[in-house]
Amino acid sequence: MVSAPDLVPELVTDELDLIRRAVPVARADLLDLGCGDGAMARRLAATGARVTAVEVNAASIAPDPAVTVVEGRAEALPLADAGFDAVLMLKSLHHVPVARMEAGLREVARVLRPGGLLFCWEPVFAGPFNDIMRLFHDEQPQRAAALAALHRIIAEGTLEFRDERLFRTRIGFADFADFDRRMLHLPDLPQPVEGALLDQVRQAWDRIAAPRGGQFERLMRLTLARRP
């Protein structure tokens, strides 16, 4: 069920709580696909789940005996068929190259057990925060492509639709220096944020972020699908 547009989406303050509401994680075999620094994988393992974490650069993930770390890409997972009860893609689908998104989702279906769930948690490119981000990191095309690819995979029957709805999350920055440190040096930026571009971003911060104390709400979309 998609959230009705006239209703205020629920505020999520801890993604793990939302995951546990949707996925029976205890003693489950979970794949955290595109796990970033592995923080959520470690938290999931602490619940009693058996967690495998996949990242392009596995060496960047702090080792944890409770988490199996595998280096790989969504479109060519080095994992056996039907090995997982759930696959979690937490803000990672839109980082898959657009031309490989459908292949990545077919790989998700392959490694899921029959009846296994895909938990796909993607940011919606809208709102004041993204009015600043689009100046130097406009991900709107990638996020739209990710949603379209997911819906095509569901339409073709590779995965079965279970639910889709919007949620709110919060992100805050102490000041522009904090925003600079956390957002202006991301590894996938298309160009360095410096010179005239940095001035433009700072002006947008002063206009958009400063009046709200550097605090933002962001829309997130959760799509749940299962392997037939």
C-alpha atoms as a PDB file:
ATOM      1  CA  MET A   1       0.000   0.000   0.000  1.00  0.00           C
ATOM      2  CA  VAL A   2       1.400   3.383  -0.961  1.00  0.00           C
ATOM      3  CA  SER A   3       1.055   6.124   1.641  1.00  0.00           C
ATOM      4  CA  ALA A   4      -1.852   8.404   0.826  1.00  0.00           C
ATOM      5  CA  PRO A   5      -0.610  11.835  -0.275  1.00  0.00           C
ATOM      6  CA  ASP A   6      -2.838  13.660   2.211  1.00  0.00           C
ATOM      7  CA  LEU A   7      -1.377  11.810   5.206  1.00  0.00           C
ATOM      8  CA  VAL A   8       1.835  12.822   6.954  1.00  0.00           C
ATOM      9  CA  PRO A   9       4.332   9.963   6.578  1.00  0.00           C
ATOM     10  CA  GLU A  10       5.500   8.304   9.771  1.00  0.00           C
ATOM     11  CA  LEU A  11       8.745   9.607  11.269  1.00  0.00           C
ATOM     12  CA  VAL A  12      11.496   6.979  11.488  1.00  0.00           C
ATOM     13  CA  THR A  13      14.191   7.740  14.050  1.00  0.00           C
ATOM     14  CA  ASP A  14      15.931   4.352  13.911  1.00  0.00           C
ATOM     15  CA  GLU A  15      16.083   2.343  10.694  1.00  0.00           C
ATOM     16  CA  LEU A  16      16.711  -0.869  12.624  1.00  0.00           C
ATOM     17  CA  ASP A  17      13.314  -0.561  14.305  1.00  0.00           C
ATOM     18  CA  LEU A  18      11.644  -0.280  10.902  1.00  0.00           C
ATOM     19  CA  ILE A  19      13.599  -3.244   9.549  1.00  0.00           C
ATOM     20  CA  ARG A  20      12.536  -5.392  12.498  1.00  0.00           C
ATOM     21  CA  ARG A  21       8.899  -4.461  11.922  1.00  0.00           C
ATOM     22  CA  ALA A  22       9.072  -5.640   8.313  1.00  0.00           C
ATOM     23  CA  VAL A  23      11.574  -8.500   8.443  1.00  0.00           C
ATOM     24  CA  PRO A  24      11.800 -11.360  10.972  1.00  0.00           C
ATOM     25  CA  VAL A  25      15.497 -10.787  11.623  1.00  0.00           C
ATOM     26  CA  ALA A  26      16.191 -13.024  14.634  1.00  0.00           C
ATOM     27  CA  ARG A  27      18.073 -16.149  13.532  1.00  0.00           C
ATOM     28  CA  ALA A  28      17.475 -15.188   9.886  1.00  0.00           C
ATOM     29  CA  ASP A  29      20.046 -15.242   7.102  1.00  0.00           C
ATOM     30  CA  LEU A  30      20.292 -11.611   6.003  1.00  0.00           C
ATOM     31  CA  LEU A  31      22.198  -9.945   3.182  1.00  0.00           C
ATOM     32  CA  ASP A  32      23.069  -6.272   3.634  1.00  0.00           C
ATOM     33  CA  LEU A  33      23.729  -5.324   0.005  1.00  0.00           C
ATOM     34  CA  GLY A  34      25.738  -2.144  -0.364  1.00  0.00           C
ATOM     35  CA  CYS A  35      26.472  -2.047   3.353  1.00  0.00           C
ATOM     36  CA  GLY A  36      28.597   1.113   3.429  1.00  0.00           C
ATOM     37  CA  ASP A  37      30.723   1.123   6.565  1.00  0.00           C
ATOM     38  CA  GLY A  38      28.960  -1.972   7.915  1.00  0.00           C
ATOM     39  CA  ALA A  39      27.355  -0.238  10.896  1.00  0.00           C
ATOM     40  CA  MET A  40      23.849  -1.584  10.234  1.00  0.00           C
ATOM     41  CA  ALA A  41      25.203  -5.048   9.465  1.00  0.00           C
ATOM     42  CA  ARG A  42      26.813  -5.119  12.901  1.00  0.00           C
ATOM     43  CA  ARG A  43      23.597  -3.955  14.567  1.00  0.00           C
ATOM     44  CA  LEU A  44      21.617  -6.621  12.733  1.00  0.00           C
ATOM     45  CA  ALA A  45      24.079  -9.289  13.823  1.00  0.00           C
ATOM     46  CA  ALA A  46      23.616  -8.164  17.421  1.00  0.00           C
ATOM     47  CA  THR A  47      19.920  -9.112  17.148  1.00  0.00           C
ATOM     48  CA  GLY A  48      20.853 -12.735  16.481  1.00  0.00           C
ATOM     49  CA  ALA A  49      20.691 -12.640  12.696  1.00  0.00           C
ATOM     50  CA  ARG A  50      23.322 -14.310  10.526  1.00  0.00           C
ATOM     51  CA  VAL A  51      24.523 -11.385   8.428  1.00  0.00           C
ATOM     52  CA  THR A  52      26.463 -11.231   5.191  1.00  0.00           C
ATOM     53  CA  ALA A  53      27.532  -7.747   4.125  1.00  0.00           C
ATOM     54  CA  VAL A  54      28.458  -6.959   0.517  1.00  0.00           C
ATOM     55  CA  GLU A  55      30.344  -3.822  -0.489  1.00  0.00           C
ATOM     56  CA  VAL A  56      32.415  -2.815  -3.507  1.00  0.00           C
ATOM     57  CA  ASN A  57      35.398  -2.081  -1.265  1.00  0.00           C
ATOM     58  CA  ALA A  58      35.167  -4.646   1.502  1.00  0.00           C
ATOM     59  CA  ALA A  59      38.527  -3.608   2.928  1.00  0.00           C
ATOM     60  CA  SER A  60      36.950  -0.365   4.142  1.00  0.00           C
ATOM     61  CA  ILE A  61      34.637  -2.222   6.550  1.00  0.00           C
ATOM     62  CA  ALA A  62      35.791  -2.729  10.117  1.00  0.00           C
ATOM     63  CA  PRO A  63      36.034  -6.481  10.812  1.00  0.00           C
ATOM     64  CA  ASP A  64      33.443  -8.062  13.063  1.00  0.00           C
ATOM     65  CA  PRO A  65      33.365 -11.802  13.806  1.00  0.00           C
ATOM     66  CA  ALA A  66      29.559 -11.747  13.697  1.00  0.00           C
ATOM     67  CA  VAL A  67      29.411 -10.396  10.114  1.00  0.00           C
ATOM     68  CA  THR A  68      30.599 -12.135   6.960  1.00  0.00           C
ATOM     69  CA  VAL A  69      31.995  -9.447   4.665  1.00  0.00           C
ATOM     70  CA  VAL A  70      32.119 -10.128   0.928  1.00  0.00           C
ATOM     71  CA  GLU A  71      33.495  -7.872  -1.781  1.00  0.00           C
ATOM     72  CA  GLY A  72      31.157  -7.658  -4.745  1.00  0.00           C
ATOM     73  CA  ARG A  73      28.663  -5.746  -6.831  1.00  0.00           C
ATOM     74  CA  ALA A  74      24.893  -6.051  -6.965  1.00  0.00           C
ATOM     75  CA  GLU A  75      24.820  -7.109 -10.612  1.00  0.00           C
ATOM     76  CA  ALA A  76      27.232 -10.029 -10.062  1.00  0.00           C
ATOM     77  CA  LEU A  77      26.900 -11.275  -6.497  1.00  0.00           C
ATOM     78  CA  PRO A  78      29.535 -13.885  -5.556  1.00  0.00           C
ATOM     79  CA  LEU A  79      26.917 -15.766  -3.531  1.00  0.00           C
ATOM     80  CA  ALA A  80      25.022 -19.029  -3.887  1.00  0.00           C
ATOM     81  CA  ASP A  81      21.422 -19.299  -5.021  1.00  0.00           C
ATOM     82  CA  ALA A  82      18.608 -19.158  -2.450  1.00  0.00           C
ATOM     83  CA  GLY A  83      20.829 -18.476   0.541  1.00  0.00           C
ATOM     84  CA  PHE A  84      18.983 -15.632   2.284  1.00  0.00           C
ATOM     85  CA  ASP A  85      15.702 -14.995   4.048  1.00  0.00           C
ATOM     86  CA  ALA A  86      15.919 -11.270   3.296  1.00  0.00           C
ATOM     87  CA  VAL A  87      18.040  -8.837   1.314  1.00  0.00           C
ATOM     88  CA  LEU A  88      18.363  -5.284   2.628  1.00  0.00           C
ATOM     89  CA  MET A  89      19.226  -2.469   0.236  1.00  0.00           C
ATOM     90  CA  LEU A  90      19.542   0.559   2.487  1.00  0.00           C
ATOM     91  CA  LYS A  91      20.028   3.643   0.299  1.00  0.00           C
ATOM     92  CA  SER A  92      22.126   1.530  -2.062  1.00  0.00           C
ATOM     93  CA  LEU A  93      20.028   0.735  -5.160  1.00  0.00           C
ATOM     94  CA  HIS A  94      20.494   4.200  -6.651  1.00  0.00           C
ATOM     95  CA  HIS A  95      24.276   3.743  -6.387  1.00  0.00           C
ATOM     96  CA  VAL A  96      24.162   0.800  -8.805  1.00  0.00           C
ATOM     97  CA  PRO A  97      24.946   2.002 -12.356  1.00  0.00           C
ATOM     98  CA  VAL A  98      21.623   2.675 -14.083  1.00  0.00           C
ATOM     99  CA  ALA A  99      22.287   0.190 -16.886  1.00  0.00           C
ATOM    100  CA  ARG A 100      22.894  -2.562 -14.293  1.00  0.00           C
ATOM    101  CA  MET A 101      20.046  -1.899 -11.864  1.00  0.00           C
ATOM    102  CA  GLU A 102      17.719  -4.547 -13.292  1.00  0.00           C
ATOM    103  CA  ALA A 103      20.547  -7.088 -13.361  1.00  0.00           C
ATOM    104  CA  GLY A 104      21.238  -6.270  -9.727  1.00  0.00           C
ATOM    105  CA  LEU A 105      17.615  -6.820  -8.766  1.00  0.00           C
ATOM    106  CA  ARG A 106      17.552 -10.140 -10.617  1.00  0.00           C
ATOM    107  CA  GLU A 107      20.597 -11.123  -8.586  1.00  0.00           C
ATOM    108  CA  VAL A 108      18.664 -10.191  -5.444  1.00  0.00           C
ATOM    109  CA  ALA A 109      15.870 -12.541  -6.521  1.00  0.00           C
ATOM    110  CA  ARG A 110      18.400 -15.289  -7.254  1.00  0.00           C
ATOM    111  CA  VAL A 111      19.999 -15.237  -3.803  1.00  0.00           C
ATOM    112  CA  LEU A 112      16.669 -15.005  -1.951  1.00  0.00           C
ATOM    113  CA  ARG A 113      14.962 -18.152  -0.780  1.00  0.00           C
ATOM    114  CA  PRO A 114      11.409 -18.700  -2.056  1.00  0.00           C
ATOM    115  CA  GLY A 115       9.243 -16.343  -0.024  1.00  0.00           C
ATOM    116  CA  GLY A 116      12.275 -14.279   0.993  1.00  0.00           C
ATOM    117  CA  LEU A 117      11.927 -10.493   1.238  1.00  0.00           C
ATOM    118  CA  LEU A 118      13.638  -7.558  -0.399  1.00  0.00           C
ATOM    119  CA  PHE A 119      13.662  -4.507   1.883  1.00  0.00           C
ATOM    120  CA  CYS A 120      14.539  -1.589  -0.394  1.00  0.00           C
ATOM    121  CA  TRP A 121      14.948   1.740   1.427  1.00  0.00           C
ATOM    122  CA  GLU A 122      15.563   4.653  -0.936  1.00  0.00           C
ATOM    123  CA  PRO A 123      15.723   8.435  -0.465  1.00  0.00           C
ATOM    124  CA  VAL A 124      13.203  10.561  -2.350  1.00  0.00           C
ATOM    125  CA  PHE A 125      14.861  13.483  -4.117  1.00  0.00           C
ATOM    126  CA  ALA A 126      12.629  16.281  -2.845  1.00  0.00           C
ATOM    127  CA  GLY A 127      12.531  18.985  -0.199  1.00  0.00           C
ATOM    128  CA  PRO A 128      14.842  21.724   1.125  1.00  0.00           C
ATOM    129  CA  PHE A 129      17.787  19.425   1.857  1.00  0.00           C
ATOM    130  CA  ASN A 130      17.906  18.310  -1.753  1.00  0.00           C
ATOM    131  CA  ASP A 131      17.549  21.903  -2.942  1.00  0.00           C
ATOM    132  CA  ILE A 132      21.070  22.318  -1.561  1.00  0.00           C
ATOM    133  CA  MET A 133      22.382  18.898  -2.570  1.00  0.00           C
ATOM    134  CA  ARG A 134      21.307  19.235  -6.200  1.00  0.00           C
ATOM    135  CA  LEU A 135      23.825  22.065  -6.656  1.00  0.00           C
ATOM    136  CA  PHE A 136      26.751  19.649  -6.412  1.00  0.00           C
ATOM    137  CA  HIS A 137      25.302  16.133  -6.219  1.00  0.00           C
ATOM    138  CA  ASP A 138      22.075  15.863  -8.214  1.00  0.00           C
ATOM    139  CA  GLU A 139      20.989  12.250  -7.770  1.00  0.00           C
ATOM    140  CA  GLN A 140      17.432  12.769  -8.982  1.00  0.00           C
ATOM    141  CA  PRO A 141      17.972  10.827 -12.263  1.00  0.00           C
ATOM    142  CA  GLN A 142      19.569   7.875 -10.459  1.00  0.00           C
ATOM    143  CA  ARG A 143      16.867   7.716  -7.802  1.00  0.00           C
ATOM    144  CA  ALA A 144      14.103   7.869 -10.413  1.00  0.00           C
ATOM    145  CA  ALA A 145      15.854   5.144 -12.402  1.00  0.00           C
ATOM    146  CA  ALA A 146      16.146   2.956  -9.296  1.00  0.00           C
ATOM    147  CA  LEU A 147      12.427   3.174  -8.596  1.00  0.00           C
ATOM    148  CA  ALA A 148      11.564   2.490 -12.236  1.00  0.00           C
ATOM    149  CA  ALA A 149      13.873  -0.545 -12.356  1.00  0.00           C
ATOM    150  CA  LEU A 150      12.359  -1.957  -9.175  1.00  0.00           C
ATOM    151  CA  HIS A 151       8.839  -1.523 -10.509  1.00  0.00           C
ATOM    152  CA  ARG A 152       9.795  -3.213 -13.813  1.00  0.00           C
ATOM    153  CA  ILE A 153      11.258  -6.209 -11.983  1.00  0.00           C
ATOM    154  CA  ILE A 154       8.034  -6.499  -9.999  1.00  0.00           C
ATOM    155  CA  ALA A 155       5.882  -6.095 -13.120  1.00  0.00           C
ATOM    156  CA  GLU A 156       7.733  -8.903 -14.913  1.00  0.00           C
ATOM    157  CA  GLY A 157       7.174 -11.227 -11.936  1.00  0.00           C
ATOM    158  CA  THR A 158      10.784 -11.744 -10.879  1.00  0.00           C
ATOM    159  CA  LEU A 159       9.752 -10.306  -7.512  1.00  0.00           C
ATOM    160  CA  GLU A 160       6.241  -9.960  -6.085  1.00  0.00           C
ATOM    161  CA  PHE A 161       5.017  -6.657  -4.673  1.00  0.00           C
ATOM    162  CA  ARG A 162       4.266  -6.628  -0.961  1.00  0.00           C
ATOM    163  CA  ASP A 163       4.136  -2.981   0.113  1.00  0.00           C
ATOM    164  CA  GLU A 164       5.372   0.500  -0.692  1.00  0.00           C
ATOM    165  CA  ARG A 165       5.077   3.603   1.440  1.00  0.00           C
ATOM    166  CA  LEU A 166       6.751   6.849   2.374  1.00  0.00           C
ATOM    167  CA  PHE A 167       8.420   7.699   5.666  1.00  0.00           C
ATOM    168  CA  ARG A 168      10.165  10.738   7.111  1.00  0.00           C
ATOM    169  CA  THR A 169      13.666  10.815   8.546  1.00  0.00           C
ATOM    170  CA  ARG A 170      15.705  13.641  10.022  1.00  0.00           C
ATOM    171  CA  ILE A 171      19.195  14.880   9.330  1.00  0.00           C
ATOM    172  CA  GLY A 172      20.893  17.814  11.018  1.00  0.00           C
ATOM    173  CA  PHE A 173      24.106  19.802  10.873  1.00  0.00           C
ATOM    174  CA  ALA A 174      25.608  22.057  13.528  1.00  0.00           C
ATOM    175  CA  ASP A 175      26.690  24.648  10.978  1.00  0.00           C
ATOM    176  CA  PHE A 176      28.057  24.976   7.452  1.00  0.00           C
ATOM    177  CA  ALA A 177      31.432  23.593   8.531  1.00  0.00           C
ATOM    178  CA  ASP A 178      29.691  20.421   9.703  1.00  0.00           C
ATOM    179  CA  PHE A 179      27.780  20.197   6.400  1.00  0.00           C
ATOM    180  CA  ASP A 180      31.047  20.726   4.513  1.00  0.00           C
ATOM    181  CA  ARG A 181      32.803  17.970   6.433  1.00  0.00           C
ATOM    182  CA  ARG A 182      30.016  15.417   6.027  1.00  0.00           C
ATOM    183  CA  MET A 183      28.582  16.154   2.580  1.00  0.00           C
ATOM    184  CA  LEU A 184      31.013  18.077   0.385  1.00  0.00           C
ATOM    185  CA  HIS A 185      33.700  15.388   0.213  1.00  0.00           C
ATOM    186  CA  LEU A 186      31.655  12.270  -0.568  1.00  0.00           C
ATOM    187  CA  PRO A 187      33.571   9.777  -2.736  1.00  0.00           C
ATOM    188  CA  ASP A 188      31.012   9.766  -5.566  1.00  0.00           C
ATOM    189  CA  LEU A 189      30.734  13.519  -6.158  1.00  0.00           C
ATOM    190  CA  PRO A 190      30.932  14.379  -9.876  1.00  0.00           C
ATOM    191  CA  GLN A 191      33.391  17.223  -9.253  1.00  0.00           C
ATOM    192  CA  PRO A 192      35.232  18.869  -6.354  1.00  0.00           C
ATOM    193  CA  VAL A 193      33.141  21.428  -4.464  1.00  0.00           C
ATOM    194  CA  GLU A 194      35.425  24.434  -4.537  1.00  0.00           C
ATOM    195  CA  GLY A 195      35.697  27.949  -5.932  1.00  0.00           C
ATOM    196  CA  ALA A 196      32.497  29.386  -7.402  1.00  0.00           C
ATOM    197  CA  LEU A 197      30.584  26.155  -6.747  1.00  0.00           C
ATOM    198  CA  LEU A 198      31.505  26.220  -3.065  1.00  0.00           C
ATOM    199  CA  ASP A 199      30.343  29.838  -2.872  1.00  0.00           C
ATOM    200  CA  GLN A 200      27.030  28.851  -4.472  1.00  0.00           C
ATOM    201  CA  VAL A 201      26.532  26.007  -1.995  1.00  0.00           C
ATOM    202  CA  ARG A 202      27.381  28.262   0.949  1.00  0.00           C
ATOM    203  CA  GLN A 203      24.849  30.863  -0.244  1.00  0.00           C
ATOM    204  CA  ALA A 204      22.191  28.154  -0.544  1.00  0.00           C
ATOM    205  CA  TRP A 205      23.031  26.998   2.983  1.00  0.00           C
ATOM    206  CA  ASP A 206      22.625  30.528   4.324  1.00  0.00           C
ATOM    207  CA  ARG A 207      19.298  30.911   2.515  1.00  0.00           C
ATOM    208  CA  ILE A 208      17.773  27.466   3.136  1.00  0.00           C
ATOM    209  CA  ALA A 209      19.481  25.777   6.077  1.00  0.00           C
ATOM    210  CA  ALA A 210      20.456  28.585   8.438  1.00  0.00           C
ATOM    211  CA  PRO A 211      16.846  29.727   9.090  1.00  0.00           C
ATOM    212  CA  ARG A 212      15.940  26.168  10.137  1.00  0.00           C
ATOM    213  CA  GLY A 213      19.002  25.730  12.347  1.00  0.00           C
ATOM    214  CA  GLY A 214      20.562  23.248   9.948  1.00  0.00           C
ATOM    215  CA  GLN A 215      17.786  20.712  10.615  1.00  0.00           C
ATOM    216  CA  PHE A 216      15.955  18.906   7.809  1.00  0.00           C
ATOM    217  CA  GLU A 217      13.347  16.239   7.279  1.00  0.00           C
ATOM    218  CA  ARG A 218      13.814  13.901   4.329  1.00  0.00           C
ATOM    219  CA  LEU A 219      11.334  11.633   2.601  1.00  0.00           C
ATOM    220  CA  MET A 220      12.259   7.962   2.248  1.00  0.00           C
ATOM    221  CA  ARG A 221      10.469   5.279   0.257  1.00  0.00           C
ATOM    222  CA  LEU A 222      10.275   1.702   1.505  1.00  0.00           C
ATOM    223  CA  THR A 223       9.452  -0.960  -1.062  1.00  0.00           C
ATOM    224  CA  LEU A 224       8.928  -4.536   0.083  1.00  0.00           C
ATOM    225  CA  ALA A 225       8.915  -7.365  -2.440  1.00  0.00           C
ATOM    226  CA  ARG A 226       9.235 -11.128  -2.142  1.00  0.00           C
ATOM    227  CA  ARG A 227      10.676 -13.890  -4.235  1.00  0.00           C
ATOM    228  CA  PRO A 228       7.838 -16.088  -5.554  1.00  0.00           C
END
